[in-house]
Amino acid sequence: MKKTSNAKIALISLFLNCGLFMLNAESFRVSRVHEVSIAQKVDSEGTAKLGINEALAITLPSDQTFIEGLELKFDIPEAVASWMDSVACSIYPSISPTPKPSQIDYSGTRVYVRTLPGKLSWVLQIPLKKENSIKSNNYTTKVDTIVTPSNNVIFVRLQPVMKGVPEETLNSIIPITVKPILTNKGQLTFNLIPPEEKLAPCTIFIDEKMTNLPADKKILLETGIHNISIISESYRNEVRTVRIDLAKTTNLTVEMKSLEPTLLILAPEGTKVILDDFKCNTIGKEFVISEGEHKIKFSIGDYEIVRSISAIKGRSYTANFSLDLQITED
């Protein structure tokens, strides 16, 4: 009964004070600070072994595009689990000064606190963005507020909150494994190259849905295959298919083509080509022609053939002259 009564008193005191701590910065001292760094990768993970009244500084990457939260797995020793509610875990998104192992005095605003449960393993998930897929269940606990880290650092502190706890409990070591919770998305970056110096307005459809292209030309998409259409009154329409992978950036480069009609001439070596009464030496390479009627003449020796082209805006034409020899047997 005494253990339960002490726990209740400690919890009441802790949570009464917590309301004040969550509004104002508090000053405190820890015996040691551990450090882990998390990358924006599927297999990123960091582990530290904390004693009671020690802290963990988690450094996030500057680019957190794909990170929607953090997962902390606590391996709770029997000596702590048997004294349920004797140790509390607090989270600080803003801490001063910058955490380092040699620094023990800090000031920060606490946004979450909870005592460690009476079990040997506990998973705490911290949402970093409002739009996230994190949910609590029988195996995990979700922090009930969005944690926005200052200077890309989240500070996790362990502290005793119960009197009369045996030395074995106070001297326990609690391993904590940290890994990022990645959104089920990837990023598509557009690089539209215009034929002139400045890009004219374009409308982008992703999977037949019109999408506004942000200033940085980067869009988050669900993983998988997506169909991209680029429509413009100044260029030819372009269609692409892209694959988006989890937590990765896919670059899409599209050379926008003018609406002026083009012509590609293909002919055997030695062929004389006359286009609109002028000799044409551009063979095997697409070039721009004006809209309207054009006459093209191919000749090899005494053999010649003449064709007409009615060029329309936004179309491409190919003139393929070939000599063919057919042999038949009766």
Protein backbone atom coordinates (compact mmCIF):
# COMPACT_ATOMS: atom_id res chain seq x y z
CA MET A 1 0.00 0.00 0.00
CA LYS A 2 2.83 2.39 0.84
CA LYS A 3 4.38 1.95 -2.60
CA THR A 4 1.03 2.65 -4.31
CA SER A 5 0.33 5.64 -2.09
CA ASN A 6 3.76 7.14 -2.75
CA ALA A 7 3.30 6.64 -6.48
CA LYS A 8 -0.05 8.42 -6.45
CA ILE A 9 1.34 11.36 -4.49
CA ALA A 10 4.32 11.62 -6.83
CA LEU A 11 2.12 11.46 -9.92
CA ILE A 12 -0.29 14.10 -8.63
CA SER A 13 2.60 16.42 -7.87
CA LEU A 14 4.26 15.72 -11.22
CA PHE A 15 1.20 16.38 -13.34
CA LEU A 16 0.10 19.44 -11.35
CA ASN A 17 3.49 20.97 -11.97
CA CYS A 18 3.51 19.78 -15.56
CA GLY A 19 0.81 22.27 -16.54
CA LEU A 20 3.06 25.10 -15.41
CA PHE A 21 6.12 23.57 -17.09
CA MET A 22 4.31 23.32 -20.40
CA LEU A 23 3.63 27.07 -20.33
CA ASN A 24 6.98 28.28 -19.03
CA ALA A 25 10.59 27.24 -19.34
CA GLU A 26 12.00 25.28 -16.41
CA SER A 27 15.58 24.95 -15.25
CA PHE A 28 16.94 21.56 -14.26
CA ARG A 29 20.09 19.51 -13.96
CA VAL A 30 20.90 16.09 -15.39
CA SER A 31 23.85 13.89 -14.54
CA ARG A 32 24.74 13.18 -18.18
CA VAL A 33 23.58 13.82 -21.74
CA HIS A 34 23.74 11.16 -24.47
CA GLU A 35 23.55 12.05 -28.16
CA VAL A 36 22.15 10.29 -31.24
CA SER A 37 21.66 11.57 -34.78
CA ILE A 38 18.87 10.44 -37.08
CA ALA A 39 19.05 10.49 -40.88
CA GLN A 40 16.20 10.66 -43.35
CA LYS A 41 16.57 7.00 -44.37
CA VAL A 42 14.57 3.82 -43.90
CA ASP A 43 17.36 2.05 -42.00
CA SER A 44 18.43 5.02 -39.83
CA GLU A 45 18.63 4.15 -36.13
CA GLY A 46 20.43 5.28 -33.00
CA THR A 47 20.74 3.71 -29.52
CA ALA A 48 21.79 5.12 -26.17
CA LYS A 49 21.85 3.65 -22.67
CA LEU A 50 20.44 6.10 -20.15
CA GLY A 51 20.61 6.03 -16.40
CA ILE A 52 17.93 7.57 -14.20
CA ASN A 53 18.29 11.39 -14.23
CA GLU A 54 20.13 11.31 -17.54
CA ALA A 55 19.00 12.76 -20.87
CA LEU A 56 19.11 12.04 -24.58
CA ALA A 57 19.61 14.72 -27.25
CA ILE A 58 18.19 13.57 -30.59
CA THR A 59 19.50 15.51 -33.59
CA LEU A 60 17.31 15.51 -36.70
CA PRO A 61 18.52 16.28 -40.23
CA SER A 62 17.99 19.81 -41.55
CA ASP A 63 15.83 18.36 -44.33
CA GLN A 64 12.88 16.57 -42.71
CA THR A 65 10.70 16.30 -45.80
CA PHE A 66 9.98 12.60 -45.32
CA ILE A 67 10.05 12.42 -41.49
CA GLU A 68 6.64 12.64 -39.84
CA GLY A 69 7.70 11.51 -36.39
CA LEU A 70 10.15 9.70 -34.12
CA GLU A 71 9.86 6.29 -32.50
CA LEU A 72 11.56 5.66 -29.16
CA LYS A 73 11.75 2.09 -27.90
CA PHE A 74 12.53 1.75 -24.19
CA ASP A 75 13.96 -1.53 -22.90
CA ILE A 76 12.86 -1.26 -19.28
CA PRO A 77 14.77 -3.38 -16.74
CA GLU A 78 12.86 -5.47 -14.21
CA ALA A 79 14.02 -3.23 -11.34
CA VAL A 80 12.21 -0.25 -12.93
CA ALA A 81 9.18 -2.11 -14.28
CA SER A 82 8.44 -3.59 -10.84
CA TRP A 83 8.39 -0.06 -9.38
CA MET A 84 5.79 1.20 -11.85
CA ASP A 85 5.44 5.00 -12.11
CA SER A 86 8.75 5.57 -10.33
CA VAL A 87 10.55 7.08 -13.35
CA ALA A 88 9.16 9.75 -15.69
CA CYS A 89 10.05 10.54 -19.28
CA SER A 90 9.82 14.19 -20.39
CA ILE A 91 10.16 15.71 -23.86
CA TYR A 92 11.52 19.18 -24.64
CA PRO A 93 11.46 20.51 -28.22
CA SER A 94 13.36 23.61 -27.16
CA ILE A 95 16.38 23.41 -24.89
CA SER A 96 19.13 25.81 -23.85
CA PRO A 97 22.08 25.76 -24.06
CA THR A 98 22.83 23.45 -26.97
CA PRO A 99 23.05 19.90 -25.52
CA LYS A 100 26.47 18.32 -25.16
CA PRO A 101 27.88 15.58 -22.89
CA SER A 102 29.82 18.03 -20.71
CA GLN A 103 26.78 20.27 -20.06
CA ILE A 104 24.51 19.31 -17.13
CA ASP A 105 22.42 22.44 -16.47
CA TYR A 106 19.59 23.23 -18.90
CA SER A 107 16.48 25.29 -19.39
CA GLY A 108 13.58 24.22 -21.58
CA THR A 109 9.83 24.03 -22.08
CA ARG A 110 8.37 20.60 -21.48
CA VAL A 111 5.57 19.55 -23.86
CA TYR A 112 5.02 15.96 -22.70
CA VAL A 113 5.59 13.86 -19.59
CA ARG A 114 4.67 10.32 -18.66
CA THR A 115 5.92 7.74 -16.20
CA LEU A 116 7.42 4.55 -17.58
CA PRO A 117 4.86 1.71 -17.54
CA GLY A 118 5.24 -1.48 -15.55
CA LYS A 119 6.41 -3.58 -18.49
CA LEU A 120 9.75 -4.53 -19.96
CA SER A 121 9.29 -2.81 -23.32
CA TRP A 122 7.61 0.48 -24.21
CA VAL A 123 7.37 2.26 -27.57
CA LEU A 124 6.75 6.01 -27.60
CA GLN A 125 5.95 7.73 -30.88
CA ILE A 126 6.43 11.47 -31.27
CA PRO A 127 4.57 13.25 -34.12
CA LEU A 128 6.58 16.05 -35.70
CA LYS A 129 4.01 17.15 -38.27
CA LYS A 130 0.29 17.84 -38.11
CA GLU A 131 -0.33 15.63 -41.12
CA ASN A 132 0.84 12.21 -39.96
CA SER A 133 -0.26 8.57 -39.96
CA ILE A 134 0.83 7.79 -36.37
CA LYS A 135 -1.77 6.00 -34.24
CA SER A 136 -1.75 4.60 -30.74
CA ASN A 137 -2.43 0.90 -30.22
CA ASN A 138 -1.84 -1.80 -27.62
CA TYR A 139 1.89 -1.76 -28.35
CA THR A 140 2.67 1.94 -28.81
CA THR A 141 1.92 5.26 -27.13
CA LYS A 142 1.48 8.40 -29.21
CA VAL A 143 2.47 11.78 -27.79
CA ASP A 144 -0.74 13.81 -27.75
CA THR A 145 0.77 17.00 -29.19
CA ILE A 146 2.75 17.97 -32.27
CA VAL A 147 6.39 18.41 -31.27
CA THR A 148 8.21 21.07 -33.28
CA PRO A 149 11.93 20.87 -32.51
CA SER A 150 14.01 24.01 -32.19
CA ASN A 151 17.37 23.82 -33.97
CA ASN A 152 16.45 20.28 -35.09
CA VAL A 153 17.01 18.85 -31.58
CA ILE A 154 14.56 16.99 -29.33
CA PHE A 155 15.60 16.54 -25.70
CA VAL A 156 14.37 13.48 -23.78
CA ARG A 157 14.88 13.41 -20.03
CA LEU A 158 14.49 10.62 -17.46
CA GLN A 159 13.96 11.52 -13.80
CA PRO A 160 12.86 9.73 -10.60
CA VAL A 161 9.43 10.85 -9.34
CA MET A 162 8.90 8.56 -6.36
CA LYS A 163 10.48 8.49 -2.92
CA GLY A 164 11.66 5.31 -1.28
CA VAL A 165 12.76 3.69 -4.52
CA PRO A 166 15.52 1.10 -3.93
CA GLU A 167 19.08 1.74 -5.11
CA GLU A 168 18.79 -1.09 -7.62
CA THR A 169 16.06 0.84 -9.40
CA LEU A 170 17.83 4.21 -9.25
CA ASN A 171 21.02 2.62 -10.63
CA SER A 172 19.25 0.91 -13.53
CA ILE A 173 20.27 1.48 -17.14
CA ILE A 174 17.51 1.96 -19.73
CA PRO A 175 18.51 1.42 -23.41
CA ILE A 176 16.55 3.65 -25.80
CA THR A 177 16.49 2.98 -29.54
CA VAL A 178 15.49 5.91 -31.77
CA LYS A 179 14.44 5.75 -35.39
CA PRO A 180 12.50 8.06 -37.74
CA ILE A 181 8.89 7.44 -38.71
CA LEU A 182 8.85 8.08 -42.45
CA THR A 183 5.82 9.18 -44.40
CA ASN A 184 4.71 6.73 -47.10
CA LYS A 185 5.68 9.21 -49.78
CA GLY A 186 8.49 10.30 -52.04
CA GLN A 187 9.26 13.58 -53.74
CA LEU A 188 9.04 14.54 -57.39
CA THR A 189 11.15 17.47 -58.57
CA PHE A 190 10.29 19.12 -61.88
CA ASN A 191 12.93 20.61 -64.17
CA LEU A 192 11.17 22.11 -67.18
CA ILE A 193 13.59 23.43 -69.79
CA PRO A 194 12.02 25.93 -72.21
CA PRO A 195 13.29 26.51 -75.76
CA GLU A 196 13.58 30.21 -74.92
CA GLU A 197 15.13 31.95 -71.92
CA LYS A 198 12.00 32.17 -69.75
CA LEU A 199 9.51 29.37 -69.12
CA ALA A 200 5.97 30.19 -70.23
CA PRO A 201 2.99 29.17 -68.03
CA CYS A 202 2.32 25.43 -67.88
CA THR A 203 -0.45 23.35 -66.32
CA ILE A 204 0.57 20.06 -64.71
CA PHE A 205 -1.73 17.09 -64.26
CA ILE A 206 -0.68 14.22 -61.98
CA ASP A 207 -2.83 11.13 -62.44
CA GLU A 208 -5.35 13.32 -64.31
CA LYS A 209 -5.63 15.76 -61.40
CA MET A 210 -4.51 19.34 -61.92
CA THR A 211 -1.65 20.24 -59.58
CA ASN A 212 -0.25 23.64 -58.72
CA LEU A 213 3.52 23.56 -58.96
CA PRO A 214 5.09 25.26 -55.89
CA ALA A 215 7.93 27.75 -56.17
CA ASP A 216 10.56 25.10 -55.42
CA LYS A 217 9.00 22.78 -58.05
CA LYS A 218 8.88 19.89 -55.55
CA ILE A 219 5.77 17.78 -54.88
CA LEU A 220 5.22 14.97 -52.37
CA LEU A 221 3.50 11.92 -53.86
CA GLU A 222 2.42 8.52 -52.65
CA THR A 223 4.85 5.76 -53.53
CA GLY A 224 4.19 3.92 -56.79
CA ILE A 225 3.67 4.76 -60.48
CA HIS A 226 2.27 8.16 -61.50
CA ASN A 227 1.28 9.60 -64.87
CA ILE A 228 2.41 13.18 -65.52
CA SER A 229 0.95 15.49 -68.20
CA ILE A 230 2.32 18.97 -68.91
CA ILE A 231 -0.06 21.20 -70.86
CA SER A 232 0.73 24.66 -72.22
CA GLU A 233 -0.51 27.08 -74.85
CA SER A 234 3.12 27.92 -75.63
CA TYR A 235 4.58 24.40 -75.93
CA ARG A 236 3.71 20.96 -77.11
CA ASN A 237 2.00 18.72 -74.60
CA GLU A 238 4.35 16.34 -72.80
CA VAL A 239 3.43 13.04 -71.12
CA ARG A 240 5.68 11.07 -68.76
CA THR A 241 5.42 8.11 -66.39
CA VAL A 242 7.45 8.22 -63.15
CA ARG A 243 8.04 5.85 -60.25
CA ILE A 244 8.09 7.32 -56.75
CA ASP A 245 10.05 5.42 -54.08
CA LEU A 246 9.72 5.72 -50.30
CA ALA A 247 11.63 8.67 -48.80
CA LYS A 248 13.49 9.33 -52.06
CA THR A 249 13.53 12.20 -54.55
CA THR A 250 12.86 11.54 -58.23
CA ASN A 251 14.01 14.20 -60.70
CA LEU A 252 11.91 14.72 -63.83
CA THR A 253 13.60 16.77 -66.57
CA VAL A 254 11.45 17.71 -69.56
CA GLU A 255 12.67 19.74 -72.52
CA MET A 256 9.63 21.76 -73.58
CA LYS A 257 9.25 21.98 -77.34
CA SER A 258 8.02 24.95 -79.33
CA LEU A 259 4.66 24.75 -81.13
CA GLU A 260 6.39 25.53 -84.42
CA PRO A 261 6.11 22.56 -86.81
CA THR A 262 9.24 20.48 -87.36
CA LEU A 263 10.53 18.30 -90.17
CA LEU A 264 12.85 15.28 -90.06
CA ILE A 265 14.34 14.21 -93.41
CA LEU A 266 15.69 10.68 -93.82
CA ALA A 267 17.40 9.67 -97.06
CA PRO A 268 20.21 7.40 -98.33
CA GLU A 269 23.70 8.84 -98.78
CA GLY A 270 24.07 10.65 -102.07
CA THR A 271 20.45 11.82 -102.22
CA LYS A 272 19.88 15.40 -103.35
CA VAL A 273 17.13 17.11 -101.33
CA ILE A 274 15.40 20.31 -102.43
CA LEU A 275 13.04 21.99 -99.94
CA ASP A 276 10.97 24.89 -101.31
CA ASP A 277 13.43 25.35 -104.22
CA PHE A 278 16.47 25.45 -101.88
CA LYS A 279 19.01 22.72 -101.33
CA CYS A 280 18.60 21.12 -97.89
CA ASN A 281 21.65 19.68 -96.12
CA THR A 282 19.95 18.96 -92.78
CA ILE A 283 19.49 15.21 -93.09
CA GLY A 284 18.74 12.97 -90.10
CA LYS A 285 18.13 15.89 -87.71
CA GLU A 286 14.79 17.50 -86.82
CA PHE A 287 14.48 21.21 -87.66
CA VAL A 288 11.77 23.88 -87.55
CA ILE A 289 9.73 24.83 -90.60
CA SER A 290 7.07 27.48 -91.01
CA GLU A 291 3.36 26.78 -91.00
CA GLY A 292 1.74 26.25 -94.38
CA GLU A 293 2.57 24.47 -97.63
CA HIS A 294 6.03 23.10 -98.41
CA LYS A 295 7.41 21.15 -101.39
CA ILE A 296 10.21 18.61 -100.96
CA LYS A 297 12.04 16.88 -103.85
CA PHE A 298 14.34 13.86 -103.56
CA SER A 299 16.58 12.83 -106.45
CA ILE A 300 19.26 10.20 -107.08
CA GLY A 301 20.71 10.27 -110.60
CA ASP A 302 17.82 10.53 -113.02
CA TYR A 303 15.27 9.33 -110.49
CA GLU A 304 13.32 11.94 -108.52
CA ILE A 305 10.16 12.16 -106.46
CA VAL A 306 8.26 15.23 -105.26
CA ARG A 307 5.90 15.49 -102.29
CA SER A 308 4.00 18.29 -100.56
CA ILE A 309 3.64 18.93 -96.82
CA SER A 310 0.91 21.04 -95.22
CA ALA A 311 2.58 21.99 -91.93
CA ILE A 312 0.31 22.69 -88.95
CA LYS A 313 1.27 24.32 -85.65
CA GLY A 314 2.29 21.82 -82.96
CA ARG A 315 2.93 18.92 -85.37
CA SER A 316 6.10 17.04 -86.34
CA TYR A 317 6.69 15.58 -89.81
CA THR A 318 9.07 12.95 -91.16
CA ALA A 319 9.99 12.67 -94.84
CA ASN A 320 11.60 9.26 -95.39
CA PHE A 321 12.98 8.61 -98.88
CA SER A 322 14.15 5.05 -99.54
CA LEU A 323 14.93 2.85 -102.54
CA ASP A 324 13.66 -0.67 -102.39
CA LEU A 325 14.47 -3.69 -104.55
CA GLN A 326 11.98 -6.55 -104.63
CA ILE A 327 12.69 -9.96 -106.17
CA THR A 328 9.84 -12.40 -106.76
CA GLU A 329 9.83 -15.94 -108.04
CA ASP A 330 6.98 -17.57 -110.01
